[in-house]
Amino acid sequence: MRAASAKLIALLDADQFLMADLYTITTVQNDVYRYTNYDYDLVVGSHVYKSDGPIISREGISLSLGIEVDNLSVTIDVTDDQTFEGIRVVQAFHNGQMDGARFKLERIFMNMNTPTDTSAGTIKLFEGRLIEPELDRNTISVSVASDLDDLNVQMPRNLYQPSCTNTLFDSACGLLRQNHVVSTTIESGSTASRILCTVNQPQGWFTQGVIEFLDGGNKGLKRTVRLHESGALLLTLPLLEEPLPGQRIKVYPGCDKRLETCDNRFNNRSRFRGAPFIPVPETAV
């Protein structure tokens, strides 16, 4: 059952109303984009839902009993001029800028005599995370998975193995990503696969870590660091565009899941969840 205000219930009982869909996209960086399929911009509460943004269409909502994951299929049609934070919408999805973004679908009802009066409130139809985008030049086809998808985890959770079963910066690891980020700039001589920059950490500190680009055509793009040499970060995959000197980047350390790394690099031995002292498997003769 979905909650509705008394005014909305009265409006629906009158059987003469207009309705529109409202779409809210929230990225993991907390950038929020609001759109509607209505002919005019709508102000709902203190938020403006734009009618001249990307054209968002959807299929019917799939709802299931039990623990099967509910989903919603969404298509986003854009022009070359429409951007997310200065990056073309399709490129923003390609760069990974929209990875993990949340999508909320609401429906609003309005009196036919006051077609922009949104005071009756909304009904939330669906909410979840954007997954598995398929990209064309001006079209993104993407699924929205409900939060039940988070239950799709490996069982049992705890395994006996020498390396740590945590993922760096997850809730079990306990470390905060923002406490270990290094902000710096790209230096001359960098290429699409090799980033030159100044960091104070010793060689190898950022191996298996992540580099995030904040400026230029690579804005929003993240790449895994294959190898951290002295003054250089080698990337697992090349960038879409050649980086330019002076562009800002953030670099996050890597973790090889060994006890020594957890202890010496992060001082986080109490949360280490490996079993480095278990006996080596032996064959009985």
Protein backbone atom coordinates (compact mmCIF):
# COMPACT_ATOMS: atom_id res chain seq x y z
CA MET A 1 0.00 0.00 0.00
CA ARG A 2 1.27 3.48 -0.90
CA ALA A 3 0.69 6.47 1.34
CA ALA A 4 -1.24 9.47 -0.04
CA SER A 5 -2.28 12.81 1.43
CA ALA A 6 -5.92 13.58 2.16
CA LYS A 7 -5.91 16.20 -0.60
CA LEU A 8 -4.56 13.68 -3.10
CA ILE A 9 -7.18 11.09 -2.11
CA ALA A 10 -9.93 13.69 -2.61
CA LEU A 11 -8.47 14.63 -6.00
CA LEU A 12 -8.40 11.01 -7.13
CA ASP A 13 -11.99 10.51 -5.93
CA ALA A 14 -13.06 13.42 -8.13
CA ASP A 15 -11.91 11.38 -11.14
CA GLN A 16 -10.78 14.48 -13.06
CA PHE A 17 -7.09 15.18 -12.79
CA LEU A 18 -3.79 15.49 -14.63
CA MET A 19 -0.76 13.42 -13.77
CA ALA A 20 2.94 13.38 -14.53
CA ASP A 21 6.00 11.31 -13.70
CA LEU A 22 8.85 12.79 -11.67
CA TYR A 23 12.38 11.41 -11.95
CA THR A 24 15.16 12.04 -9.44
CA ILE A 25 18.74 10.86 -10.10
CA THR A 26 21.22 11.12 -7.22
CA THR A 27 24.89 10.24 -7.82
CA VAL A 28 27.27 8.85 -5.21
CA GLN A 29 28.86 12.33 -5.17
CA ASN A 30 25.42 13.67 -4.08
CA ASP A 31 24.77 15.56 -7.31
CA VAL A 32 20.98 15.58 -7.81
CA TYR A 33 19.14 15.90 -11.14
CA ARG A 34 15.34 16.25 -11.30
CA TYR A 35 13.19 15.92 -14.43
CA THR A 36 9.55 15.42 -15.40
CA ASN A 37 7.68 14.20 -18.48
CA TYR A 38 5.19 17.05 -18.02
CA ASP A 39 4.91 19.93 -20.52
CA TYR A 40 6.01 22.50 -17.94
CA ASP A 41 8.53 22.69 -15.14
CA LEU A 42 6.99 21.59 -11.85
CA VAL A 43 7.87 22.86 -8.39
CA VAL A 44 7.27 20.15 -5.81
CA GLY A 45 8.10 21.18 -2.27
CA SER A 46 11.28 23.20 -2.70
CA HIS A 47 12.54 21.26 -5.74
CA VAL A 48 12.21 22.10 -9.43
CA TYR A 49 11.63 19.25 -11.88
CA LYS A 50 12.69 20.33 -15.36
CA SER A 51 10.63 19.56 -18.43
CA ASP A 52 13.39 20.47 -20.93
CA GLY A 53 16.00 17.96 -19.76
CA PRO A 54 16.73 14.48 -21.11
CA ILE A 55 13.67 12.58 -22.31
CA ILE A 56 13.17 9.75 -19.82
CA SER A 57 10.79 6.93 -20.70
CA ARG A 58 10.13 3.72 -18.84
CA GLU A 59 8.49 0.37 -19.16
CA GLY A 60 6.04 -1.02 -16.62
CA ILE A 61 7.24 -1.71 -13.11
CA SER A 62 8.02 -5.33 -12.27
CA LEU A 63 7.10 -6.19 -8.67
CA SER A 64 7.50 -9.69 -7.26
CA LEU A 65 6.70 -11.54 -4.08
CA GLY A 66 9.47 -13.20 -2.10
CA ILE A 67 13.11 -12.20 -2.50
CA GLU A 68 13.21 -11.84 -6.29
CA VAL A 69 14.65 -8.43 -7.17
CA ASP A 70 12.12 -5.90 -8.46
CA ASN A 71 13.27 -3.89 -11.47
CA LEU A 72 12.41 -1.04 -13.79
CA SER A 73 13.70 -0.54 -17.35
CA VAL A 74 14.48 3.08 -18.25
CA THR A 75 15.52 4.76 -21.49
CA ILE A 76 17.18 8.19 -21.45
CA ASP A 77 17.32 10.12 -24.75
CA VAL A 78 19.59 13.16 -24.77
CA THR A 79 21.04 15.78 -27.09
CA ASP A 80 24.71 16.66 -27.44
CA ASP A 81 24.09 19.87 -25.47
CA GLN A 82 22.67 18.18 -22.37
CA THR A 83 25.27 17.52 -19.69
CA PHE A 84 25.82 16.25 -16.16
CA GLU A 85 28.30 18.57 -14.42
CA GLY A 86 29.66 19.79 -17.77
CA ILE A 87 30.09 16.30 -19.29
CA ARG A 88 27.77 14.98 -22.03
CA VAL A 89 25.22 12.66 -20.44
CA VAL A 90 26.23 9.58 -22.44
CA GLN A 91 29.92 10.24 -21.70
CA ALA A 92 29.12 10.68 -18.00
CA PHE A 93 27.63 7.17 -17.97
CA HIS A 94 30.59 5.85 -19.96
CA ASN A 95 33.09 7.49 -17.60
CA GLY A 96 31.47 5.84 -14.61
CA GLN A 97 30.25 9.15 -13.20
CA MET A 98 26.78 7.61 -12.77
CA ASP A 99 27.94 4.29 -11.28
CA GLY A 100 25.94 3.53 -8.16
CA ALA A 101 23.52 6.42 -8.79
CA ARG A 102 20.05 6.14 -7.27
CA PHE A 103 16.89 6.59 -9.34
CA LYS A 104 13.50 7.50 -7.88
CA LEU A 105 10.22 7.46 -9.80
CA GLU A 106 7.26 9.38 -8.41
CA ARG A 107 3.86 10.28 -9.81
CA ILE A 108 2.13 13.56 -9.13
CA PHE A 109 -1.53 14.44 -9.65
CA MET A 110 -2.94 17.92 -10.32
CA ASN A 111 -6.35 19.50 -10.69
CA MET A 112 -7.33 20.13 -14.31
CA ASN A 113 -8.23 23.73 -13.45
CA THR A 114 -4.82 24.40 -11.86
CA PRO A 115 -2.45 22.32 -13.99
CA THR A 116 0.72 23.31 -12.13
CA ASP A 117 -0.61 23.03 -8.58
CA THR A 118 1.46 20.27 -6.98
CA SER A 119 0.23 20.74 -3.41
CA ALA A 120 -1.59 17.38 -3.40
CA GLY A 121 1.81 15.68 -3.15
CA THR A 122 3.32 12.66 -4.84
CA ILE A 123 3.19 8.90 -4.71
CA LYS A 124 6.51 7.03 -4.89
CA LEU A 125 6.28 4.24 -7.45
CA PHE A 126 9.83 2.87 -7.46
CA GLU A 127 13.33 3.52 -6.16
CA GLY A 128 16.63 1.74 -6.62
CA ARG A 129 20.12 1.82 -8.15
CA LEU A 130 21.03 2.25 -11.81
CA ILE A 131 22.74 -0.88 -13.13
CA GLU A 132 24.00 -2.29 -16.44
CA PRO A 133 23.72 0.78 -18.71
CA GLU A 134 23.83 0.20 -22.46
CA LEU A 135 25.03 3.22 -24.40
CA ASP A 136 24.40 4.58 -27.87
CA ARG A 137 25.38 8.00 -29.19
CA ASN A 138 22.34 9.76 -27.73
CA THR A 139 20.50 7.00 -25.86
CA ILE A 140 21.11 5.22 -22.56
CA SER A 141 19.17 2.06 -21.74
CA VAL A 142 19.53 1.17 -18.08
CA SER A 143 17.86 -0.97 -15.46
CA VAL A 144 16.89 0.16 -11.98
CA ALA A 145 17.25 -2.60 -9.38
CA SER A 146 15.46 -2.31 -6.07
CA ASP A 147 17.40 -2.41 -2.81
CA LEU A 148 16.71 -6.15 -2.55
CA ASP A 149 19.64 -6.51 -4.95
CA ASP A 150 21.93 -5.81 -1.97
CA LEU A 151 20.97 -9.23 -0.59
CA ASN A 152 22.83 -10.86 -3.48
CA VAL A 153 26.00 -11.53 -1.47
CA GLN A 154 28.26 -14.52 -1.19
CA MET A 155 27.32 -16.97 1.56
CA PRO A 156 28.87 -17.77 3.91
CA ARG A 157 30.31 -14.29 4.40
CA ASN A 158 33.35 -15.38 6.44
CA LEU A 159 35.89 -17.66 4.80
CA TYR A 160 39.14 -19.02 6.21
CA GLN A 161 41.91 -17.81 3.93
CA PRO A 162 45.26 -16.05 4.38
CA SER A 163 44.15 -12.80 2.74
CA CYS A 164 41.63 -10.40 4.25
CA THR A 165 38.01 -10.90 3.23
CA ASN A 166 37.19 -7.21 3.62
CA THR A 167 37.11 -4.71 0.79
CA LEU A 168 39.13 -1.59 1.45
CA PHE A 169 36.88 1.18 2.88
CA ASP A 170 33.80 -1.04 3.24
CA SER A 171 31.86 -1.18 6.54
CA ALA A 172 33.80 -4.21 7.79
CA CYS A 173 37.14 -2.56 7.01
CA GLY A 174 35.99 0.54 8.89
CA LEU A 175 38.40 2.99 7.24
CA LEU A 176 36.99 6.19 5.75
CA ARG A 177 37.89 6.84 2.13
CA GLN A 178 38.14 10.61 2.62
CA ASN A 179 40.79 10.17 5.30
CA HIS A 180 43.18 8.47 2.87
CA VAL A 181 42.64 10.41 -0.36
CA VAL A 182 45.52 12.39 -1.85
CA SER A 183 44.70 15.43 -3.99
CA THR A 184 47.28 16.46 -6.58
CA THR A 185 47.60 17.61 -10.19
CA ILE A 186 48.76 16.02 -13.42
CA GLU A 187 52.26 16.94 -14.57
CA SER A 188 53.81 17.35 -18.02
CA GLY A 189 54.71 14.15 -19.85
CA SER A 190 51.60 12.25 -18.77
CA THR A 191 49.89 9.97 -21.27
CA ALA A 192 46.54 8.17 -21.45
CA SER A 193 48.09 5.17 -19.68
CA ARG A 194 50.74 6.79 -17.47
CA ILE A 195 49.98 9.66 -15.10
CA LEU A 196 52.85 11.73 -13.72
CA CYS A 197 52.15 13.52 -10.45
CA THR A 198 53.75 14.43 -7.14
CA VAL A 199 52.78 12.32 -4.12
CA ASN A 200 54.69 11.88 -0.88
CA GLN A 201 53.79 8.24 -0.31
CA PRO A 202 56.41 5.58 -1.05
CA GLN A 203 56.49 3.53 -4.24
CA GLY A 204 53.73 0.92 -4.37
CA TRP A 205 51.39 2.81 -2.03
CA PHE A 206 48.73 3.35 -4.72
CA THR A 207 49.16 0.02 -6.54
CA GLN A 208 45.66 -1.52 -6.90
CA GLY A 209 44.23 1.80 -5.78
CA VAL A 210 42.00 4.18 -7.72
CA ILE A 211 42.60 7.49 -9.48
CA GLU A 212 39.68 9.88 -10.05
CA PHE A 213 39.82 12.69 -12.62
CA LEU A 214 38.17 16.00 -11.74
CA ASP A 215 38.78 18.17 -14.83
CA GLY A 216 38.63 18.08 -18.62
CA GLY A 217 37.19 15.42 -20.87
CA ASN A 218 38.05 12.70 -18.35
CA LYS A 219 36.05 14.38 -15.57
CA GLY A 220 34.24 11.80 -13.46
CA LEU A 221 36.33 8.96 -14.86
CA LYS A 222 37.94 6.50 -12.45
CA ARG A 223 40.73 4.07 -13.24
CA THR A 224 42.45 1.34 -11.26
CA VAL A 225 46.15 1.93 -10.71
CA ARG A 226 48.01 -1.11 -12.04
CA LEU A 227 51.37 -0.02 -10.67
CA HIS A 228 52.64 2.90 -8.60
CA GLU A 229 56.20 3.73 -9.55
CA SER A 230 58.21 6.66 -8.25
CA GLY A 231 56.31 9.74 -9.49
CA ALA A 232 54.11 7.77 -11.91
CA LEU A 233 50.80 5.91 -11.81
CA LEU A 234 50.32 3.24 -14.50
CA LEU A 235 46.65 2.63 -15.33
CA THR A 236 44.97 -0.71 -16.08
CA LEU A 237 42.98 0.88 -18.94
CA PRO A 238 43.91 3.96 -20.99
CA LEU A 239 41.93 7.18 -20.64
CA LEU A 240 39.41 8.40 -23.20
CA GLU A 241 41.40 11.60 -23.74
CA GLU A 242 44.99 12.61 -23.20
CA PRO A 243 45.35 14.30 -19.78
CA LEU A 244 46.63 17.85 -19.62
CA PRO A 245 49.11 19.34 -17.13
CA GLY A 246 47.42 21.10 -14.23
CA GLN A 247 44.24 19.02 -14.26
CA ARG A 248 43.18 17.95 -10.76
CA ILE A 249 43.05 14.32 -9.64
CA LYS A 250 42.32 12.37 -6.48
CA VAL A 251 44.28 9.21 -5.73
CA TYR A 252 43.19 6.51 -3.29
CA PRO A 253 45.60 3.88 -1.91
CA GLY A 254 45.40 0.21 -2.75
CA CYS A 255 45.40 -2.83 -0.50
CA ASP A 256 46.80 -6.27 -1.30
CA LYS A 257 44.86 -7.74 1.66
CA ARG A 258 47.99 -8.90 3.53
CA LEU A 259 48.32 -8.50 7.29
CA GLU A 260 51.56 -6.54 6.90
CA THR A 261 49.87 -4.01 4.61
CA CYS A 262 46.87 -3.65 6.90
CA ASP A 263 49.15 -3.08 9.88
CA ASN A 264 51.89 -0.89 8.39
CA ARG A 265 49.95 1.14 5.82
CA PHE A 266 46.58 1.57 7.50
CA ASN A 267 47.19 0.75 11.19
CA ASN A 268 43.99 -1.31 11.02
CA ARG A 269 45.12 -4.70 12.36
CA SER A 270 42.12 -5.00 14.71
CA ARG A 271 39.78 -5.21 11.71
CA PHE A 272 41.89 -7.58 9.62
CA ARG A 273 39.69 -10.54 8.65
CA GLY A 274 42.16 -12.95 7.15
CA ALA A 275 43.78 -16.03 8.66
CA PRO A 276 47.46 -15.69 7.67
CA PHE A 277 48.65 -18.36 10.14
CA ILE A 278 46.45 -21.24 9.05
CA PRO A 279 48.48 -24.32 8.07
CA VAL A 280 49.32 -24.89 4.44
CA PRO A 281 47.16 -27.64 2.88
CA GLU A 282 48.99 -30.98 3.02
CA THR A 283 48.23 -34.29 1.40
CA ALA A 284 48.11 -37.33 3.65
CA VAL A 285 49.88 -40.36 2.22
